[in-house]
Each structure stands twice: as structure tokens, then as C-alpha cells.
Amino acid sequence: MRSGQLIPASALAKQKEDAEKLIKDLEEAVRSEISHRRTKIQTEPDKTVVHYTREPFEE
């Protein structure tokens, strides 16, 4: 606007829709990140899972 260019109202409406969509997407990303951080992460290894290891072969 400061440059003196005229912008059609449809372009302004599109910019406003894009800005609102971006805000909505960012808010959803924040909610998702907060939810993800609140979930319990298992810190101890699961004792029910059997892990097989290979012994080194020596002749």
C-alpha cells in the first residue's frame, strides 16, 4: 500500500484467508506438540521383549 500500488479486493481476501489458515495450522501444531510432550514415554526397557544377540565367532 505504501508503494501506491492498487491491489484488487479479491487478492486481499485471498491473503486474509491464507493468513487465517496459517494461524489455524500453527495453533494445531502447537496443540499437537503439547499433547505429544504430555504423553508418557517409556524410560525403562520392556522386560517382556526377548532380545537375541550373536556371540562373536572364534576359531
N, C-alpha and C. Protein backbone atom coordinates (compact mmCIF):
# COMPACT_ATOMS: atom_id res chain seq x y z
N MET A 1 0.83 -1.19 0.00
CA MET A 1 0.00 0.00 0.00
C MET A 1 0.87 1.26 0.00
N ARG A 2 1.98 1.22 0.69
CA ARG A 2 2.83 2.41 0.76
C ARG A 2 3.44 2.75 -0.60
N SER A 3 3.60 1.73 -1.44
CA SER A 3 4.20 1.96 -2.75
C SER A 3 3.21 2.59 -3.72
N GLY A 4 1.96 2.65 -3.36
CA GLY A 4 0.96 3.26 -4.22
C GLY A 4 0.31 2.29 -5.18
N GLN A 5 0.62 1.02 -5.08
CA GLN A 5 0.02 0.03 -5.96
C GLN A 5 -1.39 -0.29 -5.49
N LEU A 6 -2.26 -0.52 -6.45
CA LEU A 6 -3.61 -0.93 -6.13
C LEU A 6 -3.68 -2.45 -6.14
N ILE A 7 -4.32 -3.00 -5.13
CA ILE A 7 -4.48 -4.44 -5.01
C ILE A 7 -5.97 -4.75 -5.07
N PRO A 8 -6.38 -5.66 -5.93
CA PRO A 8 -7.80 -6.00 -6.01
C PRO A 8 -8.31 -6.57 -4.68
N ALA A 9 -9.57 -6.34 -4.41
CA ALA A 9 -10.17 -6.83 -3.17
C ALA A 9 -10.12 -8.34 -3.10
N SER A 10 -10.20 -9.02 -4.23
CA SER A 10 -10.15 -10.48 -4.22
C SER A 10 -8.77 -10.96 -3.76
N ALA A 11 -7.72 -10.24 -4.15
CA ALA A 11 -6.37 -10.61 -3.71
C ALA A 11 -6.22 -10.39 -2.21
N LEU A 12 -6.79 -9.30 -1.71
CA LEU A 12 -6.74 -9.05 -0.27
C LEU A 12 -7.51 -10.11 0.50
N ALA A 13 -8.65 -10.52 -0.03
CA ALA A 13 -9.44 -11.56 0.62
C ALA A 13 -8.66 -12.88 0.63
N LYS A 14 -7.98 -13.18 -0.47
CA LYS A 14 -7.17 -14.40 -0.56
C LYS A 14 -6.03 -14.35 0.45
N GLN A 15 -5.37 -13.19 0.57
CA GLN A 15 -4.29 -13.04 1.54
C GLN A 15 -4.81 -13.24 2.96
N LYS A 16 -5.99 -12.71 3.24
CA LYS A 16 -6.58 -12.84 4.57
C LYS A 16 -6.91 -14.31 4.85
N GLU A 17 -7.47 -15.02 3.86
CA GLU A 17 -7.77 -16.45 4.04
C GLU A 17 -6.50 -17.26 4.28
N ASP A 18 -5.45 -16.94 3.51
CA ASP A 18 -4.18 -17.64 3.68
C ASP A 18 -3.59 -17.39 5.06
N ALA A 19 -3.66 -16.14 5.54
CA ALA A 19 -3.14 -15.81 6.86
C ALA A 19 -3.93 -16.53 7.95
N GLU A 20 -5.26 -16.58 7.82
CA GLU A 20 -6.09 -17.27 8.81
C GLU A 20 -5.80 -18.77 8.81
N LYS A 21 -5.59 -19.35 7.61
CA LYS A 21 -5.27 -20.77 7.52
C LYS A 21 -3.92 -21.05 8.17
N LEU A 22 -2.95 -20.18 7.94
CA LEU A 22 -1.63 -20.34 8.54
C LEU A 22 -1.72 -20.28 10.07
N ILE A 23 -2.48 -19.34 10.58
CA ILE A 23 -2.66 -19.21 12.03
C ILE A 23 -3.31 -20.47 12.59
N LYS A 24 -4.33 -20.97 11.91
CA LYS A 24 -5.03 -22.17 12.35
C LYS A 24 -4.08 -23.38 12.35
N ASP A 25 -3.28 -23.51 11.28
CA ASP A 25 -2.33 -24.62 11.19
C ASP A 25 -1.27 -24.54 12.28
N LEU A 26 -0.78 -23.34 12.57
CA LEU A 26 0.23 -23.18 13.61
C LEU A 26 -0.34 -23.50 14.99
N GLU A 27 -1.57 -23.06 15.25
CA GLU A 27 -2.20 -23.37 16.53
C GLU A 27 -2.39 -24.88 16.69
N GLU A 28 -2.78 -25.56 15.62
CA GLU A 28 -2.94 -27.02 15.66
C GLU A 28 -1.60 -27.69 15.90
N ALA A 29 -0.54 -27.18 15.30
CA ALA A 29 0.80 -27.74 15.51
C ALA A 29 1.23 -27.57 16.96
N VAL A 30 0.92 -26.44 17.55
CA VAL A 30 1.26 -26.20 18.96
C VAL A 30 0.49 -27.17 19.85
N ARG A 31 -0.81 -27.34 19.59
CA ARG A 31 -1.60 -28.28 20.38
C ARG A 31 -1.06 -29.70 20.25
N SER A 32 -0.67 -30.08 19.05
CA SER A 32 -0.13 -31.41 18.81
C SER A 32 1.18 -31.60 19.56
N GLU A 33 2.04 -30.60 19.53
CA GLU A 33 3.34 -30.68 20.21
C GLU A 33 3.15 -30.78 21.72
N ILE A 34 2.24 -29.99 22.26
CA ILE A 34 1.97 -30.04 23.71
C ILE A 34 1.41 -31.40 24.08
N SER A 35 0.50 -31.93 23.29
CA SER A 35 -0.06 -33.25 23.55
C SER A 35 1.01 -34.32 23.47
N HIS A 36 1.89 -34.19 22.49
CA HIS A 36 2.97 -35.18 22.34
C HIS A 36 3.90 -35.16 23.54
N ARG A 37 4.20 -33.98 24.05
CA ARG A 37 5.10 -33.87 25.20
C ARG A 37 4.47 -34.41 26.47
N ARG A 38 3.15 -34.40 26.53
CA ARG A 38 2.48 -34.88 27.74
C ARG A 38 2.33 -36.39 27.78
N THR A 39 2.50 -37.04 26.64
CA THR A 39 2.35 -38.49 26.62
C THR A 39 3.49 -39.14 27.37
N LYS A 40 3.21 -40.28 27.97
CA LYS A 40 4.22 -40.97 28.76
C LYS A 40 5.17 -41.70 27.81
N ILE A 41 6.43 -41.46 28.02
CA ILE A 41 7.45 -42.13 27.24
C ILE A 41 8.09 -43.19 28.14
N GLN A 42 8.12 -44.40 27.66
CA GLN A 42 8.67 -45.49 28.45
C GLN A 42 10.18 -45.31 28.56
N THR A 43 10.67 -45.19 29.80
CA THR A 43 12.09 -44.95 30.01
C THR A 43 12.86 -46.23 30.30
N GLU A 44 12.19 -47.21 30.86
CA GLU A 44 12.86 -48.47 31.16
C GLU A 44 12.60 -49.47 30.04
N PRO A 45 13.58 -50.33 29.76
CA PRO A 45 13.34 -51.32 28.70
C PRO A 45 12.22 -52.30 29.09
N ASP A 46 11.49 -52.74 28.09
CA ASP A 46 10.40 -53.68 28.31
C ASP A 46 10.98 -55.06 28.56
N LYS A 47 10.67 -55.63 29.71
CA LYS A 47 11.23 -56.92 30.09
C LYS A 47 10.55 -58.09 29.38
N THR A 48 9.41 -57.85 28.76
CA THR A 48 8.71 -58.94 28.09
C THR A 48 9.25 -59.20 26.68
N VAL A 49 10.03 -58.27 26.15
CA VAL A 49 10.58 -58.42 24.81
C VAL A 49 11.91 -59.17 24.91
N VAL A 50 12.05 -60.22 24.13
CA VAL A 50 13.27 -61.01 24.14
C VAL A 50 14.21 -60.45 23.07
N HIS A 51 15.43 -60.13 23.49
CA HIS A 51 16.43 -59.61 22.57
C HIS A 51 17.48 -60.69 22.36
N TYR A 52 17.70 -61.03 21.13
CA TYR A 52 18.72 -62.03 20.80
C TYR A 52 20.00 -61.32 20.38
N THR A 53 21.11 -61.85 20.87
CA THR A 53 22.41 -61.31 20.47
C THR A 53 23.26 -62.43 19.89
N ARG A 54 24.18 -62.06 19.08
CA ARG A 54 25.09 -63.05 18.48
C ARG A 54 26.43 -63.00 19.21
N GLU A 55 26.93 -64.18 19.50
CA GLU A 55 28.25 -64.26 20.12
C GLU A 55 29.29 -64.16 19.03
N PRO A 56 30.43 -63.53 19.30
CA PRO A 56 31.46 -63.46 18.30
C PRO A 56 32.02 -64.86 17.98
N PHE A 57 32.28 -65.09 16.71
CA PHE A 57 32.79 -66.37 16.29
C PHE A 57 34.29 -66.40 16.45
N GLU A 58 34.79 -67.40 17.16
CA GLU A 58 36.23 -67.56 17.34
C GLU A 58 36.62 -68.95 16.90
N GLU A 59 37.73 -69.05 16.17
CA GLU A 59 38.20 -70.37 15.72
C GLU A 59 39.27 -70.88 16.66
